[in-house]
């Protein structure tokens, strides 16, 4: 099984992590908020989503919650699941996405960075350029849900158990390719 790293312990990141752990993968979930990581380590889930608390508890031995970006370094797949709230002008605030790109540790092998955060058209090329500029040319990059690249990766988010089932199917397809 693969080692999966997730940036962001919000709704998308935790659901994604729970699903990968359920599939048997080792998952490292990184966030920048100490209180969120502490709560997750105590088994507290900060939102309601059917079956997610049970999945997290059931797969606790495969889940690590951390503030330390270095714990992501050995992961084969890195999922960016940070929020991109609108700015006053209505544009997406990509500061958290750029923080992830800027804070990536030295990565070995050929890891794949998957953008699950909602980003505007053209962001992929900028992320790729940012990775290259940092000397991370060996890191692959996929914009999750871009049906133009791979129809099997598309997934609509809904706040119910159907979203979890769809995410298991879509993400498993990506990791097992």
C-alpha atoms as a PDB file:
ATOM      1  CA  UNK A   1       0.000   0.000   0.000  1.00  0.00           C
ATOM      2  CA  UNK A   2       1.004   3.611  -0.534  1.00  0.00           C
ATOM      3  CA  UNK A   3       1.879   6.342   1.914  1.00  0.00           C
ATOM      4  CA  UNK A   4      -0.421   9.320   1.361  1.00  0.00           C
ATOM      5  CA  UNK A   5       0.141  12.850   2.639  1.00  0.00           C
ATOM      6  CA  UNK A   6      -2.677  15.356   2.968  1.00  0.00           C
ATOM      7  CA  UNK A   7      -2.283  19.094   3.452  1.00  0.00           C
ATOM      8  CA  UNK A   8      -5.336  20.444   5.259  1.00  0.00           C
ATOM      9  CA  UNK A   9      -7.401  18.795   7.994  1.00  0.00           C
ATOM     10  CA  UNK A  10     -10.722  20.328   6.982  1.00  0.00           C
ATOM     11  CA  UNK A  11     -13.714  18.583   5.442  1.00  0.00           C
ATOM     12  CA  UNK A  12     -12.032  17.588   2.151  1.00  0.00           C
ATOM     13  CA  UNK A  13      -8.738  16.580   3.764  1.00  0.00           C
ATOM     14  CA  UNK A  14     -10.255  14.468   6.544  1.00  0.00           C
ATOM     15  CA  UNK A  15     -12.764  12.710   4.286  1.00  0.00           C
ATOM     16  CA  UNK A  16      -9.982  11.993   1.801  1.00  0.00           C
ATOM     17  CA  UNK A  17      -7.678  10.747   4.556  1.00  0.00           C
ATOM     18  CA  UNK A  18     -10.370   8.566   6.136  1.00  0.00           C
ATOM     19  CA  UNK A  19     -11.111   6.968   2.784  1.00  0.00           C
ATOM     20  CA  UNK A  20      -7.464   6.247   1.978  1.00  0.00           C
ATOM     21  CA  UNK A  21      -6.949   4.753   5.442  1.00  0.00           C
ATOM     22  CA  UNK A  22     -10.033   2.590   4.928  1.00  0.00           C
ATOM     23  CA  UNK A  23      -8.443   1.302   1.725  1.00  0.00           C
ATOM     24  CA  UNK A  24      -5.366   0.278   3.740  1.00  0.00           C
ATOM     25  CA  UNK A  25      -2.996   3.148   2.947  1.00  0.00           C
ATOM     26  CA  UNK A  26      -0.852   4.852   5.563  1.00  0.00           C
ATOM     27  CA  UNK A  27      -2.030   8.488   5.771  1.00  0.00           C
ATOM     28  CA  UNK A  28      -0.321  11.570   7.205  1.00  0.00           C
ATOM     29  CA  UNK A  29      -2.629  14.584   7.605  1.00  0.00           C
ATOM     30  CA  UNK A  30      -0.860  17.893   8.125  1.00  0.00           C
ATOM     31  CA  UNK A  31      -2.456  21.140   9.238  1.00  0.00           C
ATOM     32  CA  UNK A  32      -1.085  24.423  10.572  1.00  0.00           C
ATOM     33  CA  UNK A  33      -3.559  24.828  13.443  1.00  0.00           C
ATOM     34  CA  UNK A  34      -2.310  23.162  16.643  1.00  0.00           C
ATOM     35  CA  UNK A  35      -5.791  23.089  18.202  1.00  0.00           C
ATOM     36  CA  UNK A  36      -7.179  21.214  15.176  1.00  0.00           C
ATOM     37  CA  UNK A  37      -4.382  18.621  15.259  1.00  0.00           C
ATOM     38  CA  UNK A  38      -4.752  18.195  19.039  1.00  0.00           C
ATOM     39  CA  UNK A  39      -8.513  17.658  18.676  1.00  0.00           C
ATOM     40  CA  UNK A  40      -8.026  15.076  15.917  1.00  0.00           C
ATOM     41  CA  UNK A  41      -5.474  13.224  18.031  1.00  0.00           C
ATOM     42  CA  UNK A  42      -8.143  13.049  20.765  1.00  0.00           C
ATOM     43  CA  UNK A  43     -10.594  11.605  18.232  1.00  0.00           C
ATOM     44  CA  UNK A  44     -12.689  14.758  17.858  1.00  0.00           C
ATOM     45  CA  UNK A  45     -13.955  15.510  14.330  1.00  0.00           C
ATOM     46  CA  UNK A  46     -14.697  19.222  13.705  1.00  0.00           C
ATOM     47  CA  UNK A  47     -17.718  18.662  11.419  1.00  0.00           C
ATOM     48  CA  UNK A  48     -20.528  16.200  10.775  1.00  0.00           C
ATOM     49  CA  UNK A  49     -20.186  13.723   7.936  1.00  0.00           C
ATOM     50  CA  UNK A  50     -21.818  10.318   8.159  1.00  0.00           C
ATOM     51  CA  UNK A  51     -19.352   7.539   9.003  1.00  0.00           C
ATOM     52  CA  UNK A  52     -16.239   9.748   9.019  1.00  0.00           C
ATOM     53  CA  UNK A  53     -15.685   9.628  12.819  1.00  0.00           C
ATOM     54  CA  UNK A  54     -16.111   5.848  12.690  1.00  0.00           C
ATOM     55  CA  UNK A  55     -13.694   5.517   9.750  1.00  0.00           C
ATOM     56  CA  UNK A  56     -11.105   7.686  11.502  1.00  0.00           C
ATOM     57  CA  UNK A  57     -11.418   5.644  14.713  1.00  0.00           C
ATOM     58  CA  UNK A  58     -11.413   2.293  12.907  1.00  0.00           C
ATOM     59  CA  UNK A  59      -8.264   3.203  10.949  1.00  0.00           C
ATOM     60  CA  UNK A  60      -6.456   5.160  13.680  1.00  0.00           C
ATOM     61  CA  UNK A  61      -3.342   2.970  13.368  1.00  0.00           C
ATOM     62  CA  UNK A  62      -2.935   4.095   9.739  1.00  0.00           C
ATOM     63  CA  UNK A  63      -3.578   7.805  10.416  1.00  0.00           C
ATOM     64  CA  UNK A  64      -1.065  10.358  11.687  1.00  0.00           C
ATOM     65  CA  UNK A  65      -1.995  13.976  12.434  1.00  0.00           C
ATOM     66  CA  UNK A  66       0.856  16.452  12.435  1.00  0.00           C
ATOM     67  CA  UNK A  67       1.943  20.084  12.329  1.00  0.00           C
ATOM     68  CA  UNK A  68       5.360  19.075  10.993  1.00  0.00           C
ATOM     69  CA  UNK A  69       5.633  19.249   7.196  1.00  0.00           C
ATOM     70  CA  UNK A  70       8.721  17.001   7.336  1.00  0.00           C
ATOM     71  CA  UNK A  71       6.449  14.046   8.219  1.00  0.00           C
ATOM     72  CA  UNK A  72       5.052  14.279   4.667  1.00  0.00           C
ATOM     73  CA  UNK A  73       8.478  13.860   3.037  1.00  0.00           C
ATOM     74  CA  UNK A  74       8.260  10.093   2.490  1.00  0.00           C
ATOM     75  CA  UNK A  75       4.742  10.115   1.020  1.00  0.00           C
ATOM     76  CA  UNK A  76       4.200   8.881  -2.523  1.00  0.00           C
ATOM     77  CA  UNK A  77       1.044  10.941  -3.031  1.00  0.00           C
ATOM     78  CA  UNK A  78       0.487  14.450  -1.672  1.00  0.00           C
ATOM     79  CA  UNK A  79      -3.034  15.866  -1.692  1.00  0.00           C
ATOM     80  CA  UNK A  80      -3.512  19.631  -1.339  1.00  0.00           C
ATOM     81  CA  UNK A  81      -6.842  20.065   0.456  1.00  0.00           C
ATOM     82  CA  UNK A  82      -6.581  23.605   1.796  1.00  0.00           C
ATOM     83  CA  UNK A  83      -9.340  26.162   1.570  1.00  0.00           C
ATOM     84  CA  UNK A  84      -9.316  28.911  -1.061  1.00  0.00           C
ATOM     85  CA  UNK A  85     -11.851  31.419   0.271  1.00  0.00           C
ATOM     86  CA  UNK A  86     -12.986  34.318  -1.890  1.00  0.00           C
ATOM     87  CA  UNK A  87     -11.242  37.641  -1.513  1.00  0.00           C
ATOM     88  CA  UNK A  88     -13.171  40.889  -1.247  1.00  0.00           C
ATOM     89  CA  UNK A  89     -13.091  41.167  -5.055  1.00  0.00           C
ATOM     90  CA  UNK A  90     -14.406  37.601  -5.454  1.00  0.00           C
ATOM     91  CA  UNK A  91     -11.116  36.042  -6.607  1.00  0.00           C
ATOM     92  CA  UNK A  92      -9.883  32.868  -4.934  1.00  0.00           C
ATOM     93  CA  UNK A  93      -7.362  33.463  -2.162  1.00  0.00           C
ATOM     94  CA  UNK A  94      -4.598  31.031  -3.125  1.00  0.00           C
ATOM     95  CA  UNK A  95      -2.246  31.991  -0.284  1.00  0.00           C
ATOM     96  CA  UNK A  96      -2.698  28.627   1.454  1.00  0.00           C
ATOM     97  CA  UNK A  97      -2.002  26.751  -1.797  1.00  0.00           C
ATOM     98  CA  UNK A  98       1.227  28.719  -2.281  1.00  0.00           C
ATOM     99  CA  UNK A  99       2.183  28.067   1.342  1.00  0.00           C
ATOM    100  CA  UNK A 100       1.923  24.323   0.687  1.00  0.00           C
ATOM    101  CA  UNK A 101       4.071  24.600  -2.455  1.00  0.00           C
ATOM    102  CA  UNK A 102       6.613  26.791  -0.648  1.00  0.00           C
ATOM    103  CA  UNK A 103       6.792  24.537   2.428  1.00  0.00           C
ATOM    104  CA  UNK A 104       7.144  21.200   0.637  1.00  0.00           C
ATOM    105  CA  UNK A 105      10.116  19.404   2.156  1.00  0.00           C
ATOM    106  CA  UNK A 106      12.823  17.690   0.113  1.00  0.00           C
ATOM    107  CA  UNK A 107      10.953  14.862  -1.580  1.00  0.00           C
ATOM    108  CA  UNK A 108      12.547  11.626  -2.718  1.00  0.00           C
ATOM    109  CA  UNK A 109      11.396   9.242  -5.415  1.00  0.00           C
ATOM    110  CA  UNK A 110       8.708  10.414  -7.827  1.00  0.00           C
ATOM    111  CA  UNK A 111       5.843  11.639  -5.644  1.00  0.00           C
ATOM    112  CA  UNK A 112       2.629  12.960  -7.162  1.00  0.00           C
ATOM    113  CA  UNK A 113       1.131  16.243  -5.929  1.00  0.00           C
ATOM    114  CA  UNK A 114      -2.660  16.268  -6.362  1.00  0.00           C
ATOM    115  CA  UNK A 115      -4.569  19.559  -6.173  1.00  0.00           C
ATOM    116  CA  UNK A 116      -7.966  18.908  -4.589  1.00  0.00           C
ATOM    117  CA  UNK A 117      -8.428  22.526  -3.513  1.00  0.00           C
ATOM    118  CA  UNK A 118     -10.711  24.576  -5.721  1.00  0.00           C
ATOM    119  CA  UNK A 119      -8.449  26.752  -7.856  1.00  0.00           C
ATOM    120  CA  UNK A 120      -9.027  28.983 -10.888  1.00  0.00           C
ATOM    121  CA  UNK A 121      -8.110  27.989 -14.420  1.00  0.00           C
ATOM    122  CA  UNK A 122      -4.395  28.468 -15.031  1.00  0.00           C
ATOM    123  CA  UNK A 123      -3.313  27.674 -11.475  1.00  0.00           C
ATOM    124  CA  UNK A 124      -1.941  24.283 -12.510  1.00  0.00           C
ATOM    125  CA  UNK A 125       0.669  25.829 -14.772  1.00  0.00           C
ATOM    126  CA  UNK A 126       1.707  28.204 -11.992  1.00  0.00           C
ATOM    127  CA  UNK A 127       1.986  25.376  -9.473  1.00  0.00           C
ATOM    128  CA  UNK A 128       4.081  23.364 -11.926  1.00  0.00           C
ATOM    129  CA  UNK A 129       6.360  26.383 -12.434  1.00  0.00           C
ATOM    130  CA  UNK A 130       6.610  26.849  -8.657  1.00  0.00           C
ATOM    131  CA  UNK A 131       7.617  23.217  -8.182  1.00  0.00           C
ATOM    132  CA  UNK A 132      10.211  23.472 -10.948  1.00  0.00           C
ATOM    133  CA  UNK A 133      11.600  26.708  -9.513  1.00  0.00           C
ATOM    134  CA  UNK A 134      12.129  24.949  -6.169  1.00  0.00           C
ATOM    135  CA  UNK A 135      14.018  22.108  -7.831  1.00  0.00           C
ATOM    136  CA  UNK A 136      11.092  19.708  -7.553  1.00  0.00           C
ATOM    137  CA  UNK A 137      10.920  18.795 -11.250  1.00  0.00           C
ATOM    138  CA  UNK A 138      10.675  15.119 -10.236  1.00  0.00           C
ATOM    139  CA  UNK A 139       7.352  15.750  -8.467  1.00  0.00           C
ATOM    140  CA  UNK A 140       4.360  14.934 -10.659  1.00  0.00           C
ATOM    141  CA  UNK A 141       1.344  17.225 -10.592  1.00  0.00           C
ATOM    142  CA  UNK A 142      -2.355  16.437 -11.142  1.00  0.00           C
ATOM    143  CA  UNK A 143      -5.311  18.786 -10.866  1.00  0.00           C
ATOM    144  CA  UNK A 144      -7.888  16.453  -9.297  1.00  0.00           C
ATOM    145  CA  UNK A 145     -11.263  16.670 -10.950  1.00  0.00           C
ATOM    146  CA  UNK A 146      -9.985  18.095 -14.249  1.00  0.00           C
ATOM    147  CA  UNK A 147     -12.049  15.948 -16.583  1.00  0.00           C
ATOM    148  CA  UNK A 148     -10.007  17.230 -19.525  1.00  0.00           C
ATOM    149  CA  UNK A 149      -7.017  15.299 -18.188  1.00  0.00           C
ATOM    150  CA  UNK A 150      -8.705  12.123 -16.950  1.00  0.00           C
ATOM    151  CA  UNK A 151     -12.487  11.640 -16.795  1.00  0.00           C
ATOM    152  CA  UNK A 152     -12.087   9.058 -14.025  1.00  0.00           C
ATOM    153  CA  UNK A 153     -10.720  11.715 -11.671  1.00  0.00           C
ATOM    154  CA  UNK A 154     -13.840  13.912 -11.723  1.00  0.00           C
ATOM    155  CA  UNK A 155     -15.782  14.076  -8.480  1.00  0.00           C
ATOM    156  CA  UNK A 156     -18.531  16.382  -7.332  1.00  0.00           C
ATOM    157  CA  UNK A 157     -18.485  17.262  -3.658  1.00  0.00           C
ATOM    158  CA  UNK A 158     -21.678  16.795  -1.722  1.00  0.00           C
ATOM    159  CA  UNK A 159     -21.943  16.947   2.034  1.00  0.00           C
ATOM    160  CA  UNK A 160     -23.269  13.455   2.574  1.00  0.00           C
ATOM    161  CA  UNK A 161     -22.140   9.845   2.687  1.00  0.00           C
ATOM    162  CA  UNK A 162     -22.371   9.676  -1.112  1.00  0.00           C
ATOM    163  CA  UNK A 163     -19.413  12.086  -1.263  1.00  0.00           C
ATOM    164  CA  UNK A 164     -17.379   9.697   0.864  1.00  0.00           C
ATOM    165  CA  UNK A 165     -18.265   6.694  -1.321  1.00  0.00           C
ATOM    166  CA  UNK A 166     -17.457   8.657  -4.494  1.00  0.00           C
ATOM    167  CA  UNK A 167     -14.170   9.878  -3.029  1.00  0.00           C
ATOM    168  CA  UNK A 168     -13.094   6.319  -2.158  1.00  0.00           C
ATOM    169  CA  UNK A 169     -13.718   5.270  -5.741  1.00  0.00           C
ATOM    170  CA  UNK A 170     -12.078   8.287  -7.411  1.00  0.00           C
ATOM    171  CA  UNK A 171      -9.035   8.526  -5.158  1.00  0.00           C
ATOM    172  CA  UNK A 172      -8.421   4.781  -5.229  1.00  0.00           C
ATOM    173  CA  UNK A 173      -8.412   4.957  -9.015  1.00  0.00           C
ATOM    174  CA  UNK A 174      -5.786   7.698  -8.907  1.00  0.00           C
ATOM    175  CA  UNK A 175      -3.492   5.944  -6.430  1.00  0.00           C
ATOM    176  CA  UNK A 176      -3.786   2.518  -8.074  1.00  0.00           C
ATOM    177  CA  UNK A 177      -2.973   3.763 -11.595  1.00  0.00           C
END
